[in-house]
Amino acid sequence: MKWDDALWGWVQSRIVLARRPDDAAAEGTLAFFESVLRERFGVAEMSFVETSDGYETVCRFADGSIQSERFDRQRAERLLSDIEATSAFSRPFDEACGGFGDPDDGDGDGSHV
């Protein structure tokens, strides 16, 4: 994976998770891209701030060097917009997919097994 792709995936995942804090997929995706940035590219610390016109990342590498990049707001928020525009992703799972019903297995003890 290229640096630009890993950082871009991390930025988009941060944006989605900030607006959808209960989104487990976004949380997992963020963790994946963060691990790529740390393990493959030697990033020791990452910061992410929202600016007036978009977002800025600052990455501090294990060797002490620092790299910052800016991202246009409209482009950076496109994944979030696509998720919110897709009705199945913008509703709770039970409502969108019918869920799995009562998690109790029927033995009355409230467990799933």
C-alpha atoms as a PDB file:
ATOM      1  CA  MET A   1       0.000   0.000   0.000  1.00  0.00           C
ATOM      2  CA  LYS A   2       1.283   3.460  -0.866  1.00  0.00           C
ATOM      3  CA  TRP A   3       1.713   6.215   1.728  1.00  0.00           C
ATOM      4  CA  ASP A   4      -0.952   8.404   0.110  1.00  0.00           C
ATOM      5  CA  ASP A   5      -3.501   5.581   0.108  1.00  0.00           C
ATOM      6  CA  ALA A   6      -2.863   4.663   3.744  1.00  0.00           C
ATOM      7  CA  LEU A   7      -3.044   8.267   4.940  1.00  0.00           C
ATOM      8  CA  TRP A   8      -6.150   8.946   2.838  1.00  0.00           C
ATOM      9  CA  GLY A   9      -7.897   5.869   4.275  1.00  0.00           C
ATOM     10  CA  TRP A  10      -6.946   6.969   7.793  1.00  0.00           C
ATOM     11  CA  VAL A  11      -8.312  10.493   7.216  1.00  0.00           C
ATOM     12  CA  GLN A  12     -11.612   9.252   5.798  1.00  0.00           C
ATOM     13  CA  SER A  13     -11.998   6.739   8.631  1.00  0.00           C
ATOM     14  CA  ARG A  14     -11.355   9.455  11.238  1.00  0.00           C
ATOM     15  CA  ILE A  15     -14.046  11.631   9.668  1.00  0.00           C
ATOM     16  CA  VAL A  16     -16.599   8.811   9.541  1.00  0.00           C
ATOM     17  CA  LEU A  17     -15.859   7.689  13.101  1.00  0.00           C
ATOM     18  CA  ALA A  18     -16.095  11.265  14.416  1.00  0.00           C
ATOM     19  CA  ARG A  19     -19.617  11.578  13.000  1.00  0.00           C
ATOM     20  CA  ARG A  20     -20.608   7.944  13.663  1.00  0.00           C
ATOM     21  CA  PRO A  21     -18.921   6.994  16.964  1.00  0.00           C
ATOM     22  CA  ASP A  22     -20.835   3.698  17.223  1.00  0.00           C
ATOM     23  CA  ASP A  23     -19.777   2.536  13.742  1.00  0.00           C
ATOM     24  CA  ALA A  24     -17.713  -0.593  14.410  1.00  0.00           C
ATOM     25  CA  ALA A  25     -16.702  -0.878  10.748  1.00  0.00           C
ATOM     26  CA  ALA A  26     -15.273   2.647  10.777  1.00  0.00           C
ATOM     27  CA  GLU A  27     -13.432   1.880  14.008  1.00  0.00           C
ATOM     28  CA  GLY A  28     -11.915  -1.272  12.529  1.00  0.00           C
ATOM     29  CA  THR A  29     -10.985   0.496   9.310  1.00  0.00           C
ATOM     30  CA  LEU A  30      -9.299   3.293  11.251  1.00  0.00           C
ATOM     31  CA  ALA A  31      -7.308   0.736  13.264  1.00  0.00           C
ATOM     32  CA  PHE A  32      -6.240  -1.011  10.051  1.00  0.00           C
ATOM     33  CA  PHE A  33      -4.939   2.146   8.379  1.00  0.00           C
ATOM     34  CA  GLU A  34      -3.286   3.286  11.603  1.00  0.00           C
ATOM     35  CA  SER A  35      -1.424  -0.023  11.838  1.00  0.00           C
ATOM     36  CA  VAL A  36      -0.275   0.298   8.213  1.00  0.00           C
ATOM     37  CA  LEU A  37       1.003   3.821   8.863  1.00  0.00           C
ATOM     38  CA  ARG A  38       2.851   2.701  12.000  1.00  0.00           C
ATOM     39  CA  GLU A  39       4.239  -0.631  10.814  1.00  0.00           C
ATOM     40  CA  ARG A  40       5.006   0.066   7.176  1.00  0.00           C
ATOM     41  CA  PHE A  41       5.890   3.746   7.249  1.00  0.00           C
ATOM     42  CA  GLY A  42       7.264   4.190  10.767  1.00  0.00           C
ATOM     43  CA  VAL A  43       4.722   6.718  12.016  1.00  0.00           C
ATOM     44  CA  ALA A  44       5.087   7.102  15.777  1.00  0.00           C
ATOM     45  CA  GLU A  45       2.359   9.674  16.394  1.00  0.00           C
ATOM     46  CA  MET A  46      -0.519  11.084  14.347  1.00  0.00           C
ATOM     47  CA  SER A  47      -2.732  14.092  14.871  1.00  0.00           C
ATOM     48  CA  PHE A  48      -5.794  15.200  12.990  1.00  0.00           C
ATOM     49  CA  VAL A  49      -7.457  18.612  13.136  1.00  0.00           C
ATOM     50  CA  GLU A  50     -10.396  20.165  11.371  1.00  0.00           C
ATOM     51  CA  THR A  51      -9.566  23.508   9.762  1.00  0.00           C
ATOM     52  CA  SER A  52     -11.809  26.176   8.265  1.00  0.00           C
ATOM     53  CA  ASP A  53     -11.543  24.659   4.787  1.00  0.00           C
ATOM     54  CA  GLY A  54     -10.796  21.009   5.474  1.00  0.00           C
ATOM     55  CA  TYR A  55      -8.537  18.817   7.555  1.00  0.00           C
ATOM     56  CA  GLU A  56      -4.863  18.680   8.420  1.00  0.00           C
ATOM     57  CA  THR A  57      -2.793  15.722   9.551  1.00  0.00           C
ATOM     58  CA  VAL A  58       0.576  15.851  11.242  1.00  0.00           C
ATOM     59  CA  CYS A  59       2.614  12.660  11.373  1.00  0.00           C
ATOM     60  CA  ARG A  60       5.701  12.336  13.542  1.00  0.00           C
ATOM     61  CA  PHE A  61       7.953   9.484  12.468  1.00  0.00           C
ATOM     62  CA  ALA A  62      10.125   7.231  14.608  1.00  0.00           C
ATOM     63  CA  ASP A  63      13.227   8.997  13.243  1.00  0.00           C
ATOM     64  CA  GLY A  64      11.930  12.343  14.553  1.00  0.00           C
ATOM     65  CA  SER A  65      10.877  13.796  11.216  1.00  0.00           C
ATOM     66  CA  ILE A  66       7.470  15.421  10.821  1.00  0.00           C
ATOM     67  CA  GLN A  67       5.174  15.538   7.810  1.00  0.00           C
ATOM     68  CA  SER A  68       1.913  17.458   7.532  1.00  0.00           C
ATOM     69  CA  GLU A  69      -0.727  17.320   4.848  1.00  0.00           C
ATOM     70  CA  ARG A  70      -3.963  19.177   4.185  1.00  0.00           C
ATOM     71  CA  PHE A  71      -7.142  17.714   2.724  1.00  0.00           C
ATOM     72  CA  ASP A  72     -10.012  19.550   1.055  1.00  0.00           C
ATOM     73  CA  ARG A  73     -13.198  19.259   3.131  1.00  0.00           C
ATOM     74  CA  GLN A  74     -15.561  18.267   0.318  1.00  0.00           C
ATOM     75  CA  ARG A  75     -13.252  15.571  -1.007  1.00  0.00           C
ATOM     76  CA  ALA A  76     -12.355  14.270   2.469  1.00  0.00           C
ATOM     77  CA  GLU A  77     -16.009  13.999   3.529  1.00  0.00           C
ATOM     78  CA  ARG A  78     -17.125  12.172   0.386  1.00  0.00           C
ATOM     79  CA  LEU A  79     -17.054   8.717   2.010  1.00  0.00           C
ATOM     80  CA  LEU A  80     -19.140   9.986   4.920  1.00  0.00           C
ATOM     81  CA  SER A  81     -21.623  11.538   2.467  1.00  0.00           C
ATOM     82  CA  ASP A  82     -21.839   8.277   0.524  1.00  0.00           C
ATOM     83  CA  ILE A  83     -22.457   6.302   3.717  1.00  0.00           C
ATOM     84  CA  GLU A  84     -25.148   8.715   4.882  1.00  0.00           C
ATOM     85  CA  ALA A  85     -26.798   8.660   1.439  1.00  0.00           C
ATOM     86  CA  THR A  86     -27.080   4.865   1.489  1.00  0.00           C
ATOM     87  CA  SER A  87     -30.193   4.164   3.528  1.00  0.00           C
ATOM     88  CA  ALA A  88     -29.032   0.754   4.789  1.00  0.00           C
ATOM     89  CA  PHE A  89     -25.959   2.391   6.366  1.00  0.00           C
ATOM     90  CA  SER A  90     -27.792   5.366   7.820  1.00  0.00           C
ATOM     91  CA  ARG A  91     -30.287   3.342   9.887  1.00  0.00           C
ATOM     92  CA  PRO A  92     -29.733   1.027  12.837  1.00  0.00           C
ATOM     93  CA  PHE A  93     -28.995  -2.587  11.862  1.00  0.00           C
ATOM     94  CA  ASP A  94     -32.281  -3.992  13.185  1.00  0.00           C
ATOM     95  CA  GLU A  95     -34.284  -1.473  11.192  1.00  0.00           C
ATOM     96  CA  ALA A  96     -32.227  -1.773   8.005  1.00  0.00           C
ATOM     97  CA  CYS A  97     -31.771  -5.541   7.923  1.00  0.00           C
ATOM     98  CA  GLY A  98     -34.386  -6.963  10.218  1.00  0.00           C
ATOM     99  CA  GLY A  99     -31.816  -7.888  12.863  1.00  0.00           C
ATOM    100  CA  PHE A 100     -31.706 -11.350  14.290  1.00  0.00           C
ATOM    101  CA  GLY A 101     -34.626 -11.062  16.655  1.00  0.00           C
ATOM    102  CA  ASP A 102     -34.395 -11.745  20.387  1.00  0.00           C
ATOM    103  CA  PRO A 103     -30.825 -12.684  21.324  1.00  0.00           C
ATOM    104  CA  ASP A 104     -32.050 -14.950  24.148  1.00  0.00           C
ATOM    105  CA  ASP A 105     -31.723 -18.607  23.187  1.00  0.00           C
ATOM    106  CA  GLY A 106     -35.027 -19.427  24.853  1.00  0.00           C
ATOM    107  CA  ASP A 107     -33.845 -21.126  28.036  1.00  0.00           C
ATOM    108  CA  GLY A 108     -34.848 -18.139  30.170  1.00  0.00           C
ATOM    109  CA  ASP A 109     -31.401 -17.330  31.569  1.00  0.00           C
ATOM    110  CA  GLY A 110     -30.822 -14.357  29.236  1.00  0.00           C
ATOM    111  CA  SER A 111     -27.748 -15.912  27.665  1.00  0.00           C
ATOM    112  CA  HIS A 112     -27.126 -16.493  23.979  1.00  0.00           C
ATOM    113  CA  VAL A 113     -26.005 -20.099  24.416  1.00  0.00           C
END
